[in-house]
Amino acid sequence: MIINQNTLHEPKLLIEIESFTKRIIDDGLKRKDLPELVRLLDAFEQIYSCNYIYTDYIGLFEFLSNYEFYGLKQIQDGQYTYASLLGISDWLLAYYSSQFKIHKSKVLSDIRQYKYRVKERLNKLRFFNEILFNRYSRNLVVRVDLKYQIDKQNLVDIEIFNQHVRKLCNRMANKHYCFKNLKFYVWCLEQAPLGGYHVHLYLIYDGSKSTHDCKLAKWVGRLWMDKITEGLGYYWNCHTSKGADEDRNYVAVNTVNDQVETNPNYLNGLGMIERKDPRGLERLEAVYSYFACLTSEKIDQRLRVRVKGMKAFGYSQLI
């Protein structure tokens, strides 16, 4: 099993850096802030990679660490540290404070671009779903969230997360195991505040061949846990509103004829949805619209760092 070799919780550290950077932009850099700045710079040094892409607030912090604070970096006890920042002059303190504010426009630009891309998602998802339901009379809709166990999130950095996501996408593309009758899929990568990286999946199966939506969600979750992440993973079955530990013994009951009466997922736009059912299609739109949501809560879950070439959102070709 490949695990993060750093002792730091990378996602949590990035949230700390973002919170600090926001505060300094708004309030300015004070001398009392320097110990925290040194701590964050030292910690960022451990997780930083030139192969990563950092955005908005983290991107600003990366820029300042590489171009403004770099000259203050020294080796102490075999490790790099920015401790010499603690003794800077008032003039230099004021200069560094101004650098946070000067580059605020780049941060806001990154966030505007992120919001624009998210808005574009909805148009794409609506278009693809319309094609699918024009092409097939019924489709089985499955939603599952793939996460990491709370006590193991510190073992997963963005590099390892990227490897796991690539394995997952390879399995979906090749229709492996629980993806056998898959017609279309969407994935979205996020970072929970004070938590870990996770994947939201939206899967549409051939409704003439697959009928057990709850069971499929469970299979996908177990594949993530056992095969892809090798024990680091966890999942949330959106069809049962249960996590991996509670979902183990759940047995799905779902047939085409009795879905409205016995399948509560139908009321949420999940499960078997038929082309001739406008109510089901309306609820379906609410399901995939989650991937294009711009509430403050969802914006706070955006991915702050990516490996070069890594996408935060993607979808398959239609079959």
Protein backbone atom coordinates (compact mmCIF):
# COMPACT_ATOMS: atom_id res chain seq x y z
CA MET A 1 0.00 0.00 0.00
CA ILE A 2 1.29 3.46 -0.94
CA ILE A 3 0.72 6.03 1.78
CA ASN A 4 1.69 9.62 2.41
CA GLN A 5 5.23 9.70 3.81
CA ASN A 6 4.70 13.07 5.49
CA THR A 7 3.45 13.23 9.05
CA LEU A 8 1.17 16.16 8.20
CA HIS A 9 -2.53 16.05 7.36
CA GLU A 10 -2.29 17.73 3.95
CA PRO A 11 -5.97 18.69 3.40
CA LYS A 12 -6.30 20.11 6.90
CA LEU A 13 -3.06 22.08 6.53
CA LEU A 14 -4.28 23.63 3.28
CA ILE A 15 -7.45 24.81 5.00
CA GLU A 16 -5.34 26.37 7.77
CA ILE A 17 -3.20 28.16 5.19
CA GLU A 18 -6.29 29.44 3.40
CA SER A 19 -7.83 30.73 6.62
CA PHE A 20 -4.58 32.49 7.57
CA THR A 21 -4.16 34.04 4.11
CA LYS A 22 -7.74 35.36 4.11
CA ARG A 23 -7.20 36.98 7.49
CA ILE A 24 -3.93 38.64 6.50
CA ILE A 25 -5.46 40.01 3.29
CA ASP A 26 -8.27 41.57 5.31
CA ASP A 27 -6.41 42.68 8.45
CA GLY A 28 -2.79 42.98 7.35
CA LEU A 29 0.27 41.13 8.64
CA LYS A 30 1.08 42.00 12.26
CA ARG A 31 4.13 41.01 14.25
CA LYS A 32 1.97 38.76 16.41
CA ASP A 33 1.11 36.81 13.22
CA LEU A 34 4.72 35.92 12.44
CA PRO A 35 4.98 32.74 14.60
CA GLU A 36 1.91 31.32 12.86
CA LEU A 37 3.28 32.36 9.46
CA VAL A 38 6.57 30.60 10.21
CA ARG A 39 4.74 27.46 11.32
CA LEU A 40 2.62 27.37 8.15
CA LEU A 41 5.59 28.08 5.87
CA ASP A 42 7.62 25.31 7.53
CA ALA A 43 4.72 22.89 7.19
CA PHE A 44 4.03 23.90 3.58
CA GLU A 45 7.68 23.22 2.79
CA GLN A 46 7.08 19.58 3.72
CA ILE A 47 4.09 19.03 1.43
CA TYR A 48 5.03 21.37 -1.44
CA SER A 49 5.74 19.98 -4.90
CA CYS A 50 6.51 21.76 -8.16
CA ASN A 51 4.36 19.10 -9.82
CA TYR A 52 1.26 20.42 -8.08
CA ILE A 53 -1.05 23.24 -9.11
CA TYR A 54 -2.25 25.42 -6.23
CA THR A 55 -5.23 27.74 -6.66
CA ASP A 56 -6.69 30.93 -5.16
CA TYR A 57 -5.61 31.46 -1.52
CA ILE A 58 -3.20 28.52 -1.53
CA GLY A 59 -1.82 29.72 -4.84
CA LEU A 60 -1.09 33.13 -3.31
CA PHE A 61 0.61 31.53 -0.31
CA GLU A 62 2.72 29.38 -2.63
CA PHE A 63 3.73 32.44 -4.67
CA LEU A 64 4.79 34.38 -1.58
CA SER A 65 6.72 31.44 -0.15
CA ASN A 66 8.61 30.95 -3.41
CA TYR A 67 9.26 34.56 -4.38
CA GLU A 68 9.04 36.75 -1.27
CA PHE A 69 9.97 34.59 1.71
CA TYR A 70 12.40 32.30 -0.10
CA GLY A 71 15.47 34.35 0.85
CA LEU A 72 14.66 33.88 4.55
CA LYS A 73 14.63 30.08 4.33
CA GLN A 74 17.44 28.44 6.27
CA ILE A 75 18.45 24.94 7.27
CA GLN A 76 18.10 24.16 10.96
CA ASP A 77 18.52 20.69 12.45
CA GLY A 78 18.50 19.18 8.98
CA GLN A 79 15.24 20.84 7.90
CA TYR A 80 14.29 24.05 6.17
CA THR A 81 12.72 26.72 8.33
CA TYR A 82 11.57 30.30 7.94
CA ALA A 83 12.29 31.14 11.59
CA SER A 84 14.38 34.16 10.60
CA LEU A 85 11.06 35.89 9.73
CA LEU A 86 10.57 36.45 13.44
CA GLY A 87 13.33 39.07 13.49
CA ILE A 88 12.43 41.13 10.41
CA SER A 89 12.25 44.92 10.58
CA ASP A 90 9.03 46.90 10.75
CA TRP A 91 9.64 48.12 7.21
CA LEU A 92 9.92 44.56 5.88
CA LEU A 93 6.88 43.52 7.89
CA ALA A 94 4.85 46.27 6.24
CA TYR A 95 6.17 45.25 2.82
CA TYR A 96 5.15 41.61 3.26
CA SER A 97 1.76 42.72 4.53
CA SER A 98 1.23 44.73 1.35
CA GLN A 99 2.12 41.74 -0.82
CA PHE A 100 -0.84 39.77 0.53
CA LYS A 101 -3.20 42.60 -0.42
CA ILE A 102 -1.61 43.38 -3.79
CA HIS A 103 -2.19 39.86 -5.07
CA LYS A 104 -5.76 39.56 -3.81
CA SER A 105 -7.07 40.19 -7.34
CA LYS A 106 -5.44 36.93 -8.55
CA VAL A 107 -7.18 35.04 -5.76
CA LEU A 108 -10.56 36.50 -6.65
CA SER A 109 -9.94 35.78 -10.33
CA ASP A 110 -9.26 32.11 -9.57
CA ILE A 111 -12.49 31.86 -7.57
CA ARG A 112 -14.49 33.55 -10.35
CA GLN A 113 -13.10 31.08 -12.86
CA TYR A 114 -13.99 28.20 -10.55
CA LYS A 115 -17.59 29.43 -10.25
CA TYR A 116 -17.84 29.85 -14.02
CA ARG A 117 -16.65 26.28 -14.62
CA VAL A 118 -19.15 24.94 -12.10
CA LYS A 119 -22.01 26.81 -13.81
CA GLU A 120 -20.97 25.29 -17.13
CA ARG A 121 -21.27 21.83 -15.63
CA LEU A 122 -25.04 22.07 -15.31
CA ASN A 123 -25.53 22.78 -19.01
CA LYS A 124 -23.35 19.81 -19.94
CA LEU A 125 -25.05 17.45 -17.51
CA ARG A 126 -28.52 18.52 -18.63
CA PHE A 127 -27.51 17.99 -22.28
CA PHE A 128 -26.06 14.51 -21.69
CA ASN A 129 -29.02 13.36 -19.59
CA GLU A 130 -31.47 14.50 -22.25
CA ILE A 131 -29.61 12.48 -24.86
CA LEU A 132 -29.57 9.40 -22.62
CA PHE A 133 -33.29 9.50 -21.93
CA ASN A 134 -34.07 10.13 -25.59
CA ARG A 135 -31.95 7.12 -26.48
CA TYR A 136 -33.11 4.73 -23.76
CA SER A 137 -36.60 4.39 -22.31
CA ARG A 138 -35.35 3.84 -18.77
CA ASN A 139 -32.08 4.27 -16.94
CA LEU A 140 -30.86 3.24 -13.51
CA VAL A 141 -29.39 6.18 -11.60
CA VAL A 142 -26.81 5.49 -8.89
CA ARG A 143 -25.05 7.95 -6.53
CA VAL A 144 -22.24 7.10 -4.17
CA ASP A 145 -19.63 9.22 -2.37
CA LEU A 146 -16.14 7.80 -1.96
CA LYS A 147 -14.09 9.04 0.97
CA TYR A 148 -11.35 8.04 3.39
CA GLN A 149 -11.64 6.78 6.93
CA ILE A 150 -11.31 9.65 9.39
CA ASP A 151 -8.34 8.17 11.22
CA LYS A 152 -6.51 7.53 7.94
CA GLN A 153 -7.05 10.81 6.10
CA ASN A 154 -3.60 12.00 7.15
CA LEU A 155 -2.12 9.10 5.16
CA VAL A 156 -3.56 10.39 1.88
CA ASP A 157 -2.04 13.37 0.09
CA ILE A 158 -3.09 14.70 -3.31
CA GLU A 159 -0.63 12.42 -5.13
CA ILE A 160 -2.11 9.29 -3.57
CA PHE A 161 -5.65 10.57 -4.07
CA ASN A 162 -4.85 11.11 -7.75
CA GLN A 163 -3.58 7.54 -8.06
CA HIS A 164 -6.77 6.19 -6.49
CA VAL A 165 -8.98 8.31 -8.75
CA ARG A 166 -7.08 7.17 -11.84
CA LYS A 167 -7.61 3.54 -10.83
CA LEU A 168 -11.30 4.22 -10.30
CA CYS A 169 -11.69 5.93 -13.69
CA ASN A 170 -9.84 3.07 -15.37
CA ARG A 171 -12.26 0.57 -13.84
CA MET A 172 -15.26 2.60 -14.98
CA ALA A 173 -13.91 3.10 -18.50
CA ASN A 174 -13.24 -0.63 -18.87
CA LYS A 175 -16.64 -1.64 -17.41
CA HIS A 176 -14.94 -3.69 -14.74
CA TYR A 177 -16.97 -5.61 -12.14
CA CYS A 178 -19.73 -3.35 -10.81
CA PHE A 179 -19.52 -1.03 -13.84
CA LYS A 180 -20.52 -3.70 -16.37
CA ASN A 181 -23.71 -2.09 -17.70
CA LEU A 182 -22.63 1.51 -17.21
CA LYS A 183 -23.85 3.94 -19.89
CA PHE A 184 -22.57 7.23 -18.51
CA TYR A 185 -20.67 8.44 -15.46
CA VAL A 186 -19.63 11.70 -13.83
CA TRP A 187 -17.05 12.24 -11.12
CA CYS A 188 -16.27 15.29 -9.04
CA LEU A 189 -13.28 15.66 -6.72
CA GLU A 190 -13.56 17.77 -3.59
CA GLN A 191 -11.83 18.56 -0.32
CA ALA A 192 -13.90 18.71 2.82
CA PRO A 193 -13.08 21.56 5.24
CA LEU A 194 -11.02 20.08 8.10
CA GLY A 195 -11.43 16.72 6.41
CA GLY A 196 -10.05 14.73 3.54
CA TYR A 197 -10.31 14.38 -0.19
CA HIS A 198 -13.38 12.66 -1.60
CA VAL A 199 -15.15 11.73 -4.84
CA HIS A 200 -18.80 12.24 -5.78
CA LEU A 201 -20.00 9.72 -8.37
CA TYR A 202 -23.06 9.93 -10.60
CA LEU A 203 -23.60 6.70 -12.53
CA ILE A 204 -26.22 5.77 -15.09
CA TYR A 205 -26.70 2.11 -15.94
CA ASP A 206 -28.68 0.39 -18.67
CA GLY A 207 -32.11 0.06 -17.07
CA SER A 208 -32.91 -3.06 -19.09
CA LYS A 209 -29.95 -4.94 -17.61
CA SER A 210 -29.38 -3.46 -14.14
CA THR A 211 -32.15 -2.91 -11.58
CA HIS A 212 -30.56 -2.96 -8.11
CA ASP A 213 -29.37 0.60 -7.54
CA CYS A 214 -28.70 0.26 -3.79
CA LYS A 215 -26.72 -2.90 -4.32
CA LEU A 216 -24.65 -1.34 -7.10
CA ALA A 217 -23.82 1.67 -4.94
CA LYS A 218 -22.65 -0.72 -2.24
CA TRP A 219 -20.50 -2.70 -4.71
CA VAL A 220 -18.86 0.48 -5.96
CA GLY A 221 -18.16 1.53 -2.37
CA ARG A 222 -16.64 -1.83 -1.46
CA LEU A 223 -14.46 -1.73 -4.59
CA TRP A 224 -13.14 1.66 -3.47
CA MET A 225 -12.51 0.45 0.07
CA ASP A 226 -11.01 -2.96 -0.55
CA LYS A 227 -9.39 -2.91 -3.98
CA ILE A 228 -8.55 0.66 -4.93
CA THR A 229 -7.55 2.24 -1.60
CA GLU A 230 -6.55 -1.05 0.06
CA GLY A 231 -8.29 -0.34 3.35
CA LEU A 232 -7.88 3.44 3.51
CA GLY A 233 -11.24 4.18 1.95
CA TYR A 234 -14.76 4.68 3.16
CA TYR A 235 -18.00 5.31 1.28
CA TRP A 236 -21.46 6.78 1.67
CA ASN A 237 -24.35 5.01 -0.04
CA CYS A 238 -26.72 7.78 -1.15
CA HIS A 239 -29.49 5.21 -1.66
CA THR A 240 -29.56 4.03 1.93
CA SER A 241 -28.19 7.17 3.63
CA LYS A 242 -25.69 4.88 5.33
CA GLY A 243 -21.93 4.81 5.60
CA ALA A 244 -19.77 1.77 4.87
CA ASP A 245 -20.02 0.33 8.38
CA GLU A 246 -23.85 0.55 8.46
CA ASP A 247 -24.32 -0.44 4.83
CA ARG A 248 -22.72 -3.88 5.07
CA ASN A 249 -25.89 -5.86 5.71
CA TYR A 250 -28.31 -3.79 3.67
CA VAL A 251 -30.27 -5.80 1.07
CA ALA A 252 -31.81 -3.77 -1.72
CA VAL A 253 -35.38 -4.33 -2.90
CA ASN A 254 -35.96 -2.72 -6.24
CA THR A 255 -37.89 -3.94 -9.28
CA VAL A 256 -39.29 -2.06 -12.21
CA ASN A 257 -42.94 -2.71 -11.34
CA ASP A 258 -42.93 -1.80 -7.68
CA GLN A 259 -40.28 0.94 -7.59
CA VAL A 260 -42.64 3.80 -6.68
CA GLU A 261 -44.18 1.89 -3.79
CA THR A 262 -41.13 0.20 -2.29
CA ASN A 263 -38.11 2.20 -3.38
CA PRO A 264 -37.75 5.45 -1.38
CA ASN A 265 -34.80 6.44 -3.60
CA TYR A 266 -37.22 7.07 -6.44
CA LEU A 267 -38.53 10.06 -4.51
CA ASN A 268 -35.00 11.52 -4.62
CA GLY A 269 -34.44 11.03 -8.34
CA LEU A 270 -32.36 7.89 -7.78
CA GLY A 271 -33.04 4.34 -8.90
CA MET A 272 -34.97 3.47 -12.04
CA ILE A 273 -36.12 6.54 -13.94
CA GLU A 274 -38.31 6.23 -17.03
CA ARG A 275 -38.42 8.54 -20.02
CA LYS A 276 -42.21 8.87 -19.86
CA ASP A 277 -42.19 10.00 -16.23
CA PRO A 278 -41.81 13.81 -15.96
CA ARG A 279 -41.83 13.70 -12.16
CA GLY A 280 -38.91 11.28 -12.09
CA LEU A 281 -36.98 13.35 -14.64
CA GLU A 282 -37.54 16.50 -12.61
CA ARG A 283 -36.15 14.84 -9.50
CA LEU A 284 -33.29 13.46 -11.55
CA GLU A 285 -32.22 17.00 -12.46
CA ALA A 286 -32.03 17.81 -8.76
CA VAL A 287 -29.61 14.89 -8.36
CA TYR A 288 -27.13 15.88 -11.05
CA SER A 289 -27.50 19.58 -10.25
CA TYR A 290 -25.63 18.80 -7.03
CA PHE A 291 -22.48 18.66 -9.18
CA ALA A 292 -23.07 22.26 -10.26
CA CYS A 293 -24.06 23.70 -6.90
CA LEU A 294 -22.59 27.06 -5.86
CA THR A 295 -23.70 27.37 -2.26
CA SER A 296 -21.09 28.65 0.18
CA GLU A 297 -20.86 25.15 1.64
CA LYS A 298 -20.06 23.60 -1.75
CA ILE A 299 -17.58 26.34 -2.66
CA ASP A 300 -15.74 25.60 0.59
CA GLN A 301 -15.33 22.02 -0.65
CA ARG A 302 -13.49 22.94 -3.84
CA LEU A 303 -10.17 21.26 -4.53
CA ARG A 304 -7.31 23.63 -3.62
CA VAL A 305 -4.47 21.58 -5.08
CA ARG A 306 -4.14 19.25 -8.05
CA VAL A 307 -1.40 17.15 -9.55
CA LYS A 308 -0.53 18.56 -12.98
CA GLY A 309 -2.94 17.05 -15.51
CA MET A 310 -5.46 16.17 -12.80
CA LYS A 311 -9.06 17.30 -13.33
CA ALA A 312 -11.47 18.11 -10.53
CA PHE A 313 -14.50 17.21 -12.67
CA GLY A 314 -14.99 14.81 -15.54
CA TYR A 315 -17.46 12.62 -17.39
CA SER A 316 -17.49 9.75 -19.83
CA GLN A 317 -18.62 9.58 -23.42
CA LEU A 318 -22.20 8.54 -23.99
CA ILE A 319 -22.81 4.95 -25.04
